[in-house]
Amino acid sequence: MSTKRMLGILAVGVVIIAVIVGVVLFFSFTGHDDRVVPLPDAQTTAEAPGDSAPDALSRVEVTTETVQAVVSTLSRPESYRRGIVIESFWSGGHAVYNVTVSVIGGATALSVSPSVGAEKRIILTQEKLYIWYSGDRAPYVSDIDPEGDGNKSADEWQMLVSYEDLLELDKNDIIEAGYIEYGEDYCVYANCRAPLPGYTRKYYIPTDLGLLTGAEEYDENGSLVYSMKAGECFVGDADPAAFVLPDGTSVLA
C-alpha cells in the first residue's frame, strides 16, 4: 500500500474519532444536572411565587456566590397556615415546641405548646403584641415599633431563624450552598457561620413557597443544638379563629 493511501486512511480515521468525541461531549454537557434554580428577572420579581411561567425565568446556579441573589428574590405568601416543630438541645437536656402558625396580611397568630409547661398564645399585628396562656381572661398587650421588621419579630416569637439574615452575611461566612431535595421539597440550601463563634447554621428554603421549611444549628463541636422543621403549608387558608382574643374579639375586625 502506498504511503499516500495510508495517510489518507489515517486522516479519515482521525476525523471519525473527532466526530465521536464531539458527540459524547455534547450529550455529556446537555445531560448534566447543573443544580440550578429559577430566578425571576427584573420584570417578574414582583409576581407571587408560582405565578411566573417557566419561560419567563432566567436560571442561576445556586452557589456560595449566588445564593444571596437567589434568596433576595423570594417572598412570603400573604396568607397561610402551617405547623412547625422546634427542638432545642443542650448537655443532658432536650425541649420540643409544637407551633401552629396562621398568617393573614400583616397579622400573625401563634399557638406554642412546649413539651413541658402550658400552651402559650401569641398574636402580632402591625401595631400590637398580645400574649396569654390557656385559661387567661385577658392578654398581655404591648405596642410594636412601627418602624420594625414585622417578619423578623414574628420569626423570633416562633423561635425561627430568619432566612433573610443570609443577605447580610459576608460571602466568606457562607460555607456551602446549593439546590437540594429536603423532605418533599426542592430547596435552596445554605450552610453558614452562625453569630456564636464556632457555630454553624443550615437553612432550607423552597423557592415556590418563600418560607423557611427547615433549619439546624451546630455548636463548635459539631453537636446539634437547634432544629426546626415545618409541616405542610396551606397557602391562602389561614384560620381566622386563631386571631380571636380571650374576650371573644378578633384583632382582624
Protein backbone atom coordinates (compact mmCIF):
# COMPACT_ATOMS: atom_id res chain seq x y z
CA MET A 1 0.00 0.00 0.00
CA SER A 2 1.37 3.40 -0.94
CA THR A 3 2.31 5.99 1.69
CA LYS A 4 -0.20 8.44 0.23
CA ARG A 5 -3.05 5.91 0.60
CA MET A 6 -2.06 5.13 4.21
CA LEU A 7 -2.02 8.83 5.09
CA GLY A 8 -5.48 9.18 3.57
CA ILE A 9 -6.85 6.32 5.65
CA LEU A 10 -5.29 7.77 8.81
CA ALA A 11 -6.80 11.17 8.09
CA VAL A 12 -10.28 9.67 7.69
CA GLY A 13 -9.81 7.77 10.97
CA VAL A 14 -8.82 10.95 12.81
CA VAL A 15 -11.92 12.73 11.52
CA ILE A 16 -14.20 9.85 12.60
CA ILE A 17 -12.65 9.80 16.11
CA ALA A 18 -13.06 13.58 16.43
CA VAL A 19 -16.73 13.32 15.47
CA ILE A 20 -17.34 10.56 18.05
CA VAL A 21 -15.60 12.55 20.82
CA GLY A 22 -17.63 15.64 19.94
CA VAL A 23 -20.93 13.72 20.12
CA VAL A 24 -20.00 12.21 23.50
CA LEU A 25 -19.07 15.62 24.94
CA PHE A 26 -22.26 17.18 23.58
CA PHE A 27 -24.52 14.65 25.28
CA SER A 28 -22.45 14.78 28.48
CA PHE A 29 -22.99 18.54 28.84
CA THR A 30 -26.64 18.55 27.79
CA GLY A 31 -27.46 15.71 30.17
CA HIS A 32 -25.55 17.17 33.16
CA ASP A 33 -27.54 18.22 36.30
CA ASP A 34 -26.35 21.78 36.92
CA ARG A 35 -28.33 22.14 40.18
CA VAL A 36 -29.99 25.35 39.07
CA VAL A 37 -32.98 27.20 40.43
CA PRO A 38 -35.38 29.54 38.63
CA LEU A 39 -34.55 33.17 39.40
CA PRO A 40 -37.11 35.84 38.40
CA ASP A 41 -35.78 38.54 36.16
CA ALA A 42 -36.45 42.24 36.75
CA GLN A 43 -39.87 42.05 35.08
CA THR A 44 -41.16 39.09 37.14
CA THR A 45 -39.68 39.71 40.61
CA ALA A 46 -42.88 41.34 41.89
CA GLU A 47 -45.12 38.42 40.96
CA ALA A 48 -46.36 35.96 43.57
CA PRO A 49 -44.46 32.67 43.96
CA GLY A 50 -45.58 30.13 41.41
CA ASP A 51 -47.31 32.69 39.16
CA SER A 52 -44.45 33.09 36.69
CA ALA A 53 -44.29 30.83 33.67
CA PRO A 54 -41.03 28.85 33.31
CA ASP A 55 -40.14 30.65 30.10
CA ALA A 56 -40.25 33.97 32.00
CA LEU A 57 -37.44 32.88 34.30
CA SER A 58 -33.70 33.01 33.96
CA ARG A 59 -31.79 30.15 35.54
CA VAL A 60 -28.97 30.68 38.01
CA GLU A 61 -26.76 28.02 39.55
CA VAL A 62 -27.01 28.12 43.36
CA THR A 63 -23.51 28.53 44.81
CA THR A 64 -21.93 30.42 47.68
CA GLU A 65 -21.57 33.33 45.27
CA THR A 66 -25.18 33.39 44.02
CA VAL A 67 -27.29 32.12 46.94
CA GLN A 68 -27.84 35.62 48.35
CA ALA A 69 -29.12 36.85 44.98
CA VAL A 70 -31.49 33.89 44.78
CA VAL A 71 -32.78 34.38 48.34
CA SER A 72 -33.32 38.10 47.71
CA THR A 73 -35.96 37.25 45.08
CA LEU A 74 -38.08 35.11 47.43
CA SER A 75 -41.26 36.46 49.01
CA ARG A 76 -43.52 35.02 51.70
CA PRO A 77 -47.20 34.37 50.98
CA GLU A 78 -49.60 36.93 52.47
CA SER A 79 -51.92 34.29 53.93
CA TYR A 80 -51.14 30.75 55.10
CA ARG A 81 -51.22 28.30 57.99
CA ARG A 82 -48.84 25.54 58.94
CA GLY A 83 -47.32 23.69 61.87
CA ILE A 84 -43.66 23.71 62.83
CA VAL A 85 -41.62 21.74 65.35
CA ILE A 86 -38.77 23.45 67.18
CA GLU A 87 -36.25 21.37 69.11
CA SER A 88 -33.57 22.71 71.43
CA PHE A 89 -30.69 20.54 72.65
CA TRP A 90 -28.17 21.06 75.42
CA SER A 91 -25.91 18.90 77.54
CA GLY A 92 -28.23 16.46 79.29
CA GLY A 93 -31.43 18.12 78.07
CA HIS A 94 -33.87 18.42 75.19
CA ALA A 95 -37.01 20.52 74.69
CA VAL A 96 -39.67 20.34 71.96
CA TYR A 97 -42.09 23.10 70.94
CA ASN A 98 -45.02 22.46 68.62
CA VAL A 99 -46.08 25.71 67.00
CA THR A 100 -49.23 26.33 64.95
CA VAL A 101 -48.94 29.39 62.72
CA SER A 102 -51.64 31.39 60.92
CA VAL A 103 -50.83 34.49 58.90
CA ILE A 104 -53.32 36.90 57.34
CA GLY A 105 -51.89 40.04 55.81
CA GLY A 106 -49.64 41.69 58.38
CA ALA A 107 -51.02 39.73 61.35
CA THR A 108 -49.53 36.50 62.74
CA ALA A 109 -51.21 34.19 65.26
CA LEU A 110 -49.24 31.51 67.12
CA SER A 111 -50.10 28.66 69.43
CA VAL A 112 -46.95 27.40 71.18
CA SER A 113 -47.16 24.05 73.00
CA PRO A 114 -43.93 23.14 74.82
CA SER A 115 -43.01 19.61 75.88
CA VAL A 116 -43.16 20.91 79.47
CA GLY A 117 -45.43 23.76 80.53
CA ALA A 118 -48.64 25.47 79.47
CA GLU A 119 -49.73 26.38 75.95
CA LYS A 120 -49.00 30.00 75.05
CA ARG A 121 -50.95 32.08 72.54
CA ILE A 122 -49.33 34.99 70.70
CA ILE A 123 -50.79 37.43 68.18
CA LEU A 124 -48.78 40.10 66.40
CA THR A 125 -50.40 42.80 64.31
CA GLN A 126 -48.67 45.76 62.73
CA GLU A 127 -49.38 47.80 65.89
CA LYS A 128 -49.81 45.40 68.83
CA LEU A 129 -48.43 42.29 70.52
CA TYR A 130 -50.83 40.05 72.50
CA ILE A 131 -49.67 37.17 74.75
CA TRP A 132 -51.71 34.90 77.03
CA TYR A 133 -51.82 31.37 78.38
CA SER A 134 -54.64 28.84 78.37
CA GLY A 135 -57.21 29.90 80.97
CA ASP A 136 -56.24 33.59 81.00
CA ARG A 137 -59.13 36.02 80.72
CA ALA A 138 -57.08 38.88 79.32
CA PRO A 139 -53.83 39.03 77.33
CA TYR A 140 -50.67 40.97 77.95
CA VAL A 141 -50.68 43.80 75.40
CA SER A 142 -47.73 45.83 74.13
CA ASP A 143 -47.17 48.31 71.32
CA ILE A 144 -44.99 47.28 68.38
CA ASP A 145 -42.42 49.59 66.86
CA PRO A 146 -43.99 50.67 63.53
CA GLU A 147 -40.50 51.02 62.05
CA GLY A 148 -39.54 47.45 62.99
CA ASP A 149 -39.34 44.35 60.81
CA GLY A 150 -42.67 42.57 61.24
CA ASN A 151 -41.49 39.34 59.64
CA LYS A 152 -38.41 39.19 61.86
CA SER A 153 -40.47 39.85 65.00
CA ALA A 154 -42.91 37.07 64.08
CA ASP A 155 -39.98 34.73 63.37
CA GLU A 156 -38.48 35.44 66.78
CA TRP A 157 -41.74 34.59 68.58
CA GLN A 158 -41.89 31.34 66.57
CA MET A 159 -38.28 30.65 67.63
CA LEU A 160 -37.30 30.67 63.95
CA VAL A 161 -34.05 31.80 62.40
CA SER A 162 -34.90 34.41 59.76
CA TYR A 163 -33.53 33.27 56.41
CA GLU A 164 -33.29 36.91 55.28
CA ASP A 165 -30.30 37.18 57.65
CA LEU A 166 -28.40 35.41 54.86
CA LEU A 167 -28.49 38.64 52.86
CA GLU A 168 -26.43 40.46 55.49
CA LEU A 169 -23.64 37.87 55.65
CA ASP A 170 -20.21 38.34 54.18
CA LYS A 171 -19.77 35.80 51.38
CA ASN A 172 -16.81 34.37 53.29
CA ASP A 173 -19.27 33.31 56.02
CA ILE A 174 -21.23 31.14 53.58
CA ILE A 175 -19.56 27.74 53.74
CA GLU A 176 -21.59 25.94 51.08
CA ALA A 177 -24.80 26.42 49.11
CA GLY A 178 -26.82 24.55 46.55
CA TYR A 179 -30.24 23.38 45.41
CA ILE A 180 -31.17 20.08 47.08
CA GLU A 181 -34.09 17.84 47.97
CA TYR A 182 -35.20 18.26 51.59
CA GLY A 183 -38.17 16.21 52.75
CA GLU A 184 -40.73 16.55 49.96
CA ASP A 185 -39.43 19.90 48.71
CA TYR A 186 -36.63 21.09 46.48
CA CYS A 187 -34.93 23.83 48.42
CA VAL A 188 -32.26 26.46 48.28
CA TYR A 189 -29.72 25.27 50.84
CA ALA A 190 -27.08 27.31 52.64
CA ASN A 191 -24.61 26.35 55.36
CA CYS A 192 -23.23 29.45 57.09
CA ARG A 193 -21.28 30.59 60.09
CA ALA A 194 -23.69 31.49 62.90
CA PRO A 195 -23.40 34.54 65.19
CA LEU A 196 -21.88 32.50 68.06
CA PRO A 197 -18.16 31.79 67.46
CA GLY A 198 -17.60 28.31 66.06
CA TYR A 199 -21.32 27.67 65.47
CA THR A 200 -22.79 26.91 62.03
CA ARG A 201 -26.35 27.21 60.75
CA LYS A 202 -28.12 25.47 57.86
CA TYR A 203 -31.15 26.88 56.01
CA TYR A 204 -33.61 25.08 53.69
CA ILE A 205 -35.99 27.32 51.71
CA PRO A 206 -38.40 26.10 48.98
CA THR A 207 -38.34 28.57 46.10
CA ASP A 208 -42.02 28.03 45.27
CA LEU A 209 -43.10 28.94 48.81
CA GLY A 210 -40.69 31.56 50.13
CA LEU A 211 -40.89 30.23 53.71
CA LEU A 212 -38.18 28.58 55.73
CA THR A 213 -39.03 24.88 55.85
CA GLY A 214 -36.04 23.61 57.81
CA ALA A 215 -33.07 24.85 59.80
CA GLU A 216 -30.34 23.43 62.02
CA GLU A 217 -27.63 24.92 64.20
CA TYR A 218 -24.49 23.15 65.41
CA ASP A 219 -22.03 24.13 68.11
CA GLU A 220 -18.27 24.30 67.83
CA ASN A 221 -18.04 20.55 68.46
CA GLY A 222 -20.48 19.74 65.64
CA SER A 223 -23.31 18.82 68.06
CA LEU A 224 -26.87 19.75 67.08
CA VAL A 225 -28.25 22.48 69.38
CA TYR A 226 -31.28 23.67 67.40
CA SER A 227 -33.63 22.15 64.84
CA MET A 228 -36.68 23.49 63.02
CA LYS A 229 -38.94 21.52 60.66
CA ALA A 230 -42.17 22.71 59.06
CA GLY A 231 -45.15 20.59 58.11
CA GLU A 232 -47.41 21.10 55.11
CA CYS A 233 -48.19 24.74 54.34
CA PHE A 234 -51.73 25.72 53.32
CA VAL A 235 -51.38 28.95 51.34
CA GLY A 236 -54.43 31.22 51.36
CA ASP A 237 -56.11 29.09 54.03
CA ALA A 238 -55.31 30.80 57.36
CA ASP A 239 -57.64 30.25 60.32
CA PRO A 240 -59.47 33.49 61.34
CA ALA A 241 -60.38 31.89 64.69
CA ALA A 242 -56.69 31.95 65.62
CA PHE A 243 -56.89 35.76 65.82
CA VAL A 244 -59.60 35.85 68.50
CA LEU A 245 -58.60 37.20 71.93
CA PRO A 246 -59.77 35.67 75.24
CA ASP A 247 -62.66 38.17 75.45
CA GLY A 248 -64.03 36.94 72.12
CA THR A 249 -62.98 39.92 69.98
CA SER A 250 -60.85 39.48 66.86
CA VAL A 251 -57.78 41.56 66.08
CA LEU A 252 -58.78 41.32 62.40
CA ALA A 253 -62.03 43.25 62.92
